[in-house]
Amino acid sequence: MEAVLVSRKYQVVIPRAVREALHIRPGQRMQVIQYEDRIELIPIRPTSEMRGFLKGIDVTIEQVPDRV
């Protein structure tokens, strides 16, 4: 875990290791969520990047008879 400093303009720098691991690029939009006593930054990805991310998922789940 790395610590960052909040500037006078309330800006922070995302550490290089985190940027590289999450493939964050300059100008990329982030969703900011307050959850209890923390802030979460979630990279907003284009829908085209999501294509195929569920590849290989098990679809043989039994359905509940009254829900079919």
PDB file of N, CA and C in Angstrom:
ATOM      1  N   MET A   1       0.848  -1.166   0.000  1.00  0.00           N
ATOM      2  CA  MET A   1       0.000   0.000   0.000  1.00  0.00           C
ATOM      3  C   MET A   1       0.898   1.235   0.000  1.00  0.00           C
ATOM      4  N   GLU A   2       0.526   2.194  -0.817  1.00  0.00           N
ATOM      5  CA  GLU A   2       1.308   3.421  -0.905  1.00  0.00           C
ATOM      6  C   GLU A   2       0.482   4.604  -0.409  1.00  0.00           C
ATOM      7  N   ALA A   3       1.154   5.606   0.111  1.00  0.00           N
ATOM      8  CA  ALA A   3       0.478   6.817   0.577  1.00  0.00           C
ATOM      9  C   ALA A   3       0.712   7.930  -0.431  1.00  0.00           C
ATOM     10  N   VAL A   4      -0.266   8.813  -0.557  1.00  0.00           N
ATOM     11  CA  VAL A   4      -0.145   9.970  -1.444  1.00  0.00           C
ATOM     12  C   VAL A   4      -0.430  11.226  -0.637  1.00  0.00           C
ATOM     13  N   LEU A   5       0.004  12.354  -1.169  1.00  0.00           N
ATOM     14  CA  LEU A   5      -0.189  13.637  -0.516  1.00  0.00           C
ATOM     15  C   LEU A   5      -1.260  14.417  -1.269  1.00  0.00           C
ATOM     16  N   VAL A   6      -2.181  15.032  -0.551  1.00  0.00           N
ATOM     17  CA  VAL A   6      -3.206  15.870  -1.165  1.00  0.00           C
ATOM     18  C   VAL A   6      -2.641  17.284  -1.278  1.00  0.00           C
ATOM     19  N   SER A   7      -2.663  17.838  -2.484  1.00  0.00           N
ATOM     20  CA  SER A   7      -2.117  19.184  -2.702  1.00  0.00           C
ATOM     21  C   SER A   7      -3.102  20.246  -2.211  1.00  0.00           C
ATOM     22  N   ARG A   8      -2.669  21.512  -2.261  1.00  0.00           N
ATOM     23  CA  ARG A   8      -3.548  22.612  -1.863  1.00  0.00           C
ATOM     24  C   ARG A   8      -4.782  22.700  -2.753  1.00  0.00           C
ATOM     25  N   LYS A   9      -4.676  22.166  -3.979  1.00  0.00           N
ATOM     26  CA  LYS A   9      -5.811  22.158  -4.902  1.00  0.00           C
ATOM     27  C   LYS A   9      -6.612  20.857  -4.796  1.00  0.00           C
ATOM     28  N   TYR A  10      -6.360  20.082  -3.756  1.00  0.00           N
ATOM     29  CA  TYR A  10      -7.041  18.800  -3.509  1.00  0.00           C
ATOM     30  C   TYR A  10      -6.759  17.772  -4.606  1.00  0.00           C
ATOM     31  N   GLN A  11      -5.566  17.815  -5.165  1.00  0.00           N
ATOM     32  CA  GLN A  11      -5.175  16.859  -6.195  1.00  0.00           C
ATOM     33  C   GLN A  11      -4.259  15.802  -5.583  1.00  0.00           C
ATOM     34  N   VAL A  12      -4.323  14.588  -6.142  1.00  0.00           N
ATOM     35  CA  VAL A  12      -3.421  13.515  -5.725  1.00  0.00           C
ATOM     36  C   VAL A  12      -2.812  12.885  -6.974  1.00  0.00           C
ATOM     37  N   VAL A  13      -1.654  12.281  -6.822  1.00  0.00           N
ATOM     38  CA  VAL A  13      -0.997  11.574  -7.912  1.00  0.00           C
ATOM     39  C   VAL A  13      -1.161  10.082  -7.644  1.00  0.00           C
ATOM     40  N   ILE A  14      -1.694   9.371  -8.636  1.00  0.00           N
ATOM     41  CA  ILE A  14      -1.845   7.922  -8.512  1.00  0.00           C
ATOM     42  C   ILE A  14      -0.467   7.308  -8.725  1.00  0.00           C
ATOM     43  N   PRO A  15       0.013   6.506  -7.787  1.00  0.00           N
ATOM     44  CA  PRO A  15       1.353   5.928  -7.920  1.00  0.00           C
ATOM     45  C   PRO A  15       1.521   5.123  -9.216  1.00  0.00           C
ATOM     46  N   ARG A  16       2.723   5.151  -9.755  1.00  0.00           N
ATOM     47  CA  ARG A  16       3.029   4.508 -11.031  1.00  0.00           C
ATOM     48  C   ARG A  16       2.639   3.028 -11.038  1.00  0.00           C
ATOM     49  N   ALA A  17       2.951   2.298  -9.985  1.00  0.00           N
ATOM     50  CA  ALA A  17       2.643   0.868  -9.941  1.00  0.00           C
ATOM     51  C   ALA A  17       1.141   0.623 -10.099  1.00  0.00           C
ATOM     52  N   VAL A  18       0.325   1.473  -9.484  1.00  0.00           N
ATOM     53  CA  VAL A  18      -1.131   1.336  -9.578  1.00  0.00           C
ATOM     54  C   VAL A  18      -1.599   1.705 -10.984  1.00  0.00           C
ATOM     55  N   ARG A  19      -1.071   2.799 -11.541  1.00  0.00           N
ATOM     56  CA  ARG A  19      -1.438   3.214 -12.905  1.00  0.00           C
ATOM     57  C   ARG A  19      -1.124   2.120 -13.908  1.00  0.00           C
ATOM     58  N   GLU A  20       0.057   1.530 -13.785  1.00  0.00           N
ATOM     59  CA  GLU A  20       0.452   0.483 -14.731  1.00  0.00           C
ATOM     60  C   GLU A  20      -0.380  -0.779 -14.558  1.00  0.00           C
ATOM     61  N   ALA A  21      -0.652  -1.159 -13.322  1.00  0.00           N
ATOM     62  CA  ALA A  21      -1.437  -2.371 -13.062  1.00  0.00           C
ATOM     63  C   ALA A  21      -2.860  -2.243 -13.593  1.00  0.00           C
ATOM     64  N   LEU A  22      -3.448  -1.038 -13.511  1.00  0.00           N
ATOM     65  CA  LEU A  22      -4.823  -0.818 -13.950  1.00  0.00           C
ATOM     66  C   LEU A  22      -4.917  -0.215 -15.342  1.00  0.00           C
ATOM     67  N   HIS A  23      -3.771  -0.011 -15.992  1.00  0.00           N
ATOM     68  CA  HIS A  23      -3.714   0.547 -17.347  1.00  0.00           C
ATOM     69  C   HIS A  23      -4.423   1.904 -17.427  1.00  0.00           C
ATOM     70  N   ILE A  24      -4.157   2.761 -16.452  1.00  0.00           N
ATOM     71  CA  ILE A  24      -4.749   4.103 -16.421  1.00  0.00           C
ATOM     72  C   ILE A  24      -3.887   5.031 -17.272  1.00  0.00           C
ATOM     73  N   ARG A  25      -4.536   5.814 -18.123  1.00  0.00           N
ATOM     74  CA  ARG A  25      -3.852   6.718 -19.047  1.00  0.00           C
ATOM     75  C   ARG A  25      -4.216   8.169 -18.737  1.00  0.00           C
ATOM     76  N   PRO A  26      -3.366   9.127 -19.111  1.00  0.00           N
ATOM     77  CA  PRO A  26      -3.693  10.547 -18.900  1.00  0.00           C
ATOM     78  C   PRO A  26      -4.996  10.905 -19.616  1.00  0.00           C
ATOM     79  N   GLY A  27      -5.844  11.667 -18.951  1.00  0.00           N
ATOM     80  CA  GLY A  27      -7.110  12.092 -19.532  1.00  0.00           C
ATOM     81  C   GLY A  27      -8.238  11.085 -19.347  1.00  0.00           C
ATOM     82  N   GLN A  28      -7.928   9.926 -18.790  1.00  0.00           N
ATOM     83  CA  GLN A  28      -8.972   8.907 -18.590  1.00  0.00           C
ATOM     84  C   GLN A  28      -9.917   9.346 -17.480  1.00  0.00           C
ATOM     85  N   ARG A  29     -11.185   9.078 -17.672  1.00  0.00           N
ATOM     86  CA  ARG A  29     -12.197   9.447 -16.677  1.00  0.00           C
ATOM     87  C   ARG A  29     -12.251   8.395 -15.576  1.00  0.00           C
ATOM     88  N   MET A  30     -12.524   8.874 -14.354  1.00  0.00           N
ATOM     89  CA  MET A  30     -12.620   7.991 -13.193  1.00  0.00           C
ATOM     90  C   MET A  30     -13.933   8.276 -12.485  1.00  0.00           C
ATOM     91  N   GLN A  31     -14.548   7.232 -11.998  1.00  0.00           N
ATOM     92  CA  GLN A  31     -15.741   7.391 -11.175  1.00  0.00           C
ATOM     93  C   GLN A  31     -15.268   7.489  -9.727  1.00  0.00           C
ATOM     94  N   VAL A  32     -15.782   8.477  -8.982  1.00  0.00           N
ATOM     95  CA  VAL A  32     -15.381   8.695  -7.593  1.00  0.00           C
ATOM     96  C   VAL A  32     -16.550   8.316  -6.696  1.00  0.00           C
ATOM     97  N   ILE A  33     -16.285   7.405  -5.767  1.00  0.00           N
ATOM     98  CA  ILE A  33     -17.334   6.926  -4.875  1.00  0.00           C
ATOM     99  C   ILE A  33     -16.868   7.090  -3.429  1.00  0.00           C
ATOM    100  N   GLN A  34     -17.729   7.658  -2.599  1.00  0.00           N
ATOM    101  CA  GLN A  34     -17.458   7.713  -1.167  1.00  0.00           C
ATOM    102  C   GLN A  34     -18.112   6.494  -0.552  1.00  0.00           C
ATOM    103  N   TYR A  35     -17.341   5.695   0.150  1.00  0.00           N
ATOM    104  CA  TYR A  35     -17.868   4.498   0.799  1.00  0.00           C
ATOM    105  C   TYR A  35     -17.404   4.522   2.239  1.00  0.00           C
ATOM    106  N   GLU A  36     -18.336   4.741   3.156  1.00  0.00           N
ATOM    107  CA  GLU A  36     -18.042   4.889   4.582  1.00  0.00           C
ATOM    108  C   GLU A  36     -16.955   5.934   4.776  1.00  0.00           C
ATOM    109  N   ASP A  37     -15.761   5.555   5.239  1.00  0.00           N
ATOM    110  CA  ASP A  37     -14.720   6.553   5.518  1.00  0.00           C
ATOM    111  C   ASP A  37     -13.591   6.519   4.494  1.00  0.00           C
ATOM    112  N   ARG A  38     -13.897   6.110   3.264  1.00  0.00           N
ATOM    113  CA  ARG A  38     -12.855   6.055   2.246  1.00  0.00           C
ATOM    114  C   ARG A  38     -13.367   6.557   0.901  1.00  0.00           C
ATOM    115  N   ILE A  39     -12.433   6.826  -0.002  1.00  0.00           N
ATOM    116  CA  ILE A  39     -12.744   7.266  -1.358  1.00  0.00           C
ATOM    117  C   ILE A  39     -12.271   6.176  -2.309  1.00  0.00           C
ATOM    118  N   GLU A  40     -13.117   5.796  -3.248  1.00  0.00           N
ATOM    119  CA  GLU A  40     -12.744   4.796  -4.244  1.00  0.00           C
ATOM    120  C   GLU A  40     -12.765   5.441  -5.619  1.00  0.00           C
ATOM    121  N   LEU A  41     -11.715   5.201  -6.401  1.00  0.00           N
ATOM    122  CA  LEU A  41     -11.621   5.688  -7.771  1.00  0.00           C
ATOM    123  C   LEU A  41     -11.732   4.484  -8.690  1.00  0.00           C
ATOM    124  N   ILE A  42     -12.707   4.510  -9.585  1.00  0.00           N
ATOM    125  CA  ILE A  42     -12.936   3.395 -10.494  1.00  0.00           C
ATOM    126  C   ILE A  42     -12.758   3.891 -11.922  1.00  0.00           C
ATOM    127  N   PRO A  43     -11.788   3.312 -12.655  1.00  0.00           N
ATOM    128  CA  PRO A  43     -11.593   3.748 -14.042  1.00  0.00           C
ATOM    129  C   PRO A  43     -12.831   3.450 -14.878  1.00  0.00           C
ATOM    130  N   ILE A  44     -13.257   4.446 -15.665  1.00  0.00           N
ATOM    131  CA  ILE A  44     -14.382   4.245 -16.571  1.00  0.00           C
ATOM    132  C   ILE A  44     -13.815   3.731 -17.880  1.00  0.00           C
ATOM    133  N   ARG A  45     -14.242   2.550 -18.271  1.00  0.00           N
ATOM    134  CA  ARG A  45     -13.733   1.900 -19.472  1.00  0.00           C
ATOM    135  C   ARG A  45     -14.772   1.991 -20.584  1.00  0.00           C
ATOM    136  N   PRO A  46     -14.329   2.150 -21.833  1.00  0.00           N
ATOM    137  CA  PRO A  46     -15.278   2.145 -22.949  1.00  0.00           C
ATOM    138  C   PRO A  46     -15.933   0.767 -23.063  1.00  0.00           C
ATOM    139  N   THR A  47     -17.165   0.745 -23.522  1.00  0.00           N
ATOM    140  CA  THR A  47     -17.892  -0.504 -23.657  1.00  0.00           C
ATOM    141  C   THR A  47     -17.166  -1.481 -24.573  1.00  0.00           C
ATOM    142  N   SER A  48     -16.483  -0.965 -25.570  1.00  0.00           N
ATOM    143  CA  SER A  48     -15.768  -1.829 -26.506  1.00  0.00           C
ATOM    144  C   SER A  48     -14.668  -2.635 -25.811  1.00  0.00           C
ATOM    145  N   GLU A  49     -14.097  -2.099 -24.734  1.00  0.00           N
ATOM    146  CA  GLU A  49     -13.069  -2.822 -23.971  1.00  0.00           C
ATOM    147  C   GLU A  49     -13.664  -3.990 -23.197  1.00  0.00           C
ATOM    148  N   MET A  50     -14.949  -3.934 -22.907  1.00  0.00           N
ATOM    149  CA  MET A  50     -15.597  -4.968 -22.101  1.00  0.00           C
ATOM    150  C   MET A  50     -15.927  -6.215 -22.917  1.00  0.00           C
ATOM    151  N   ARG A  51     -15.854  -6.120 -24.224  1.00  0.00           N
ATOM    152  CA  ARG A  51     -16.200  -7.249 -25.082  1.00  0.00           C
ATOM    153  C   ARG A  51     -15.352  -8.473 -24.723  1.00  0.00           C
ATOM    154  N   GLY A  52     -16.052  -9.574 -24.403  1.00  0.00           N
ATOM    155  CA  GLY A  52     -15.374 -10.835 -24.137  1.00  0.00           C
ATOM    156  C   GLY A  52     -14.877 -11.017 -22.716  1.00  0.00           C
ATOM    157  N   PHE A  53     -15.161 -10.079 -21.793  1.00  0.00           N
ATOM    158  CA  PHE A  53     -14.607 -10.231 -20.451  1.00  0.00           C
ATOM    159  C   PHE A  53     -15.280 -11.345 -19.657  1.00  0.00           C
ATOM    160  N   LEU A  54     -16.433 -11.836 -20.114  1.00  0.00           N
ATOM    161  CA  LEU A  54     -17.097 -12.958 -19.457  1.00  0.00           C
ATOM    162  C   LEU A  54     -16.843 -14.281 -20.178  1.00  0.00           C
ATOM    163  N   LYS A  55     -15.906 -14.276 -21.081  1.00  0.00           N
ATOM    164  CA  LYS A  55     -15.590 -15.468 -21.851  1.00  0.00           C
ATOM    165  C   LYS A  55     -15.201 -16.610 -20.898  1.00  0.00           C
ATOM    166  N   GLY A  56     -15.809 -17.769 -21.125  1.00  0.00           N
ATOM    167  CA  GLY A  56     -15.490 -18.930 -20.308  1.00  0.00           C
ATOM    168  C   GLY A  56     -16.339 -19.054 -19.052  1.00  0.00           C
ATOM    169  N   ILE A  57     -17.316 -18.162 -18.868  1.00  0.00           N
ATOM    170  CA  ILE A  57     -18.169 -18.242 -17.679  1.00  0.00           C
ATOM    171  C   ILE A  57     -19.069 -19.479 -17.772  1.00  0.00           C
ATOM    172  N   ASP A  58     -19.316 -20.112 -16.634  1.00  0.00           N
ATOM    173  CA  ASP A  58     -20.153 -21.306 -16.581  1.00  0.00           C
ATOM    174  C   ASP A  58     -21.621 -20.903 -16.693  1.00  0.00           C
ATOM    175  N   VAL A  59     -22.280 -21.323 -17.766  1.00  0.00           N
ATOM    176  CA  VAL A  59     -23.676 -20.964 -17.994  1.00  0.00           C
ATOM    177  C   VAL A  59     -24.611 -22.150 -17.752  1.00  0.00           C
ATOM    178  N   THR A  60     -24.105 -23.184 -17.099  1.00  0.00           N
ATOM    179  CA  THR A  60     -24.917 -24.374 -16.855  1.00  0.00           C
ATOM    180  C   THR A  60     -25.577 -24.342 -15.476  1.00  0.00           C
ATOM    181  N   ILE A  61     -25.905 -23.170 -15.000  1.00  0.00           N
ATOM    182  CA  ILE A  61     -26.553 -23.018 -13.705  1.00  0.00           C
ATOM    183  C   ILE A  61     -28.008 -23.442 -13.804  1.00  0.00           C
ATOM    184  N   GLU A  62     -28.456 -24.252 -12.844  1.00  0.00           N
ATOM    185  CA  GLU A  62     -29.860 -24.680 -12.849  1.00  0.00           C
ATOM    186  C   GLU A  62     -30.761 -23.496 -12.533  1.00  0.00           C
ATOM    187  N   GLN A  63     -31.870 -23.410 -13.256  1.00  0.00           N
ATOM    188  CA  GLN A  63     -32.830 -22.342 -13.040  1.00  0.00           C
ATOM    189  C   GLN A  63     -33.878 -22.803 -12.039  1.00  0.00           C
ATOM    190  N   VAL A  64     -34.370 -21.877 -11.229  1.00  0.00           N
ATOM    191  CA  VAL A  64     -35.462 -22.162 -10.310  1.00  0.00           C
ATOM    192  C   VAL A  64     -36.720 -22.252 -11.161  1.00  0.00           C
ATOM    193  N   PRO A  65     -37.512 -23.362 -11.040  1.00  0.00           N
ATOM    194  CA  PRO A  65     -38.664 -23.587 -11.918  1.00  0.00           C
ATOM    195  C   PRO A  65     -39.660 -22.407 -11.999  1.00  0.00           C
ATOM    196  N   ASP A  66     -39.926 -21.729 -10.888  1.00  0.00           N
ATOM    197  CA  ASP A  66     -40.914 -20.642 -10.936  1.00  0.00           C
ATOM    198  C   ASP A  66     -40.324 -19.349 -11.507  1.00  0.00           C
ATOM    199  N   ARG A  67     -39.063 -19.339 -11.871  1.00  0.00           N
ATOM    200  CA  ARG A  67     -38.424 -18.140 -12.418  1.00  0.00           C
ATOM    201  C   ARG A  67     -38.136 -18.256 -13.900  1.00  0.00           C
ATOM    202  N   VAL A  68     -38.473 -19.372 -14.520  1.00  0.00           N
ATOM    203  CA  VAL A  68     -38.163 -19.578 -15.940  1.00  0.00           C
ATOM    204  C   VAL A  68     -39.196 -18.935 -16.810  1.00  0.00           C
TER     205      VAL A  68
END
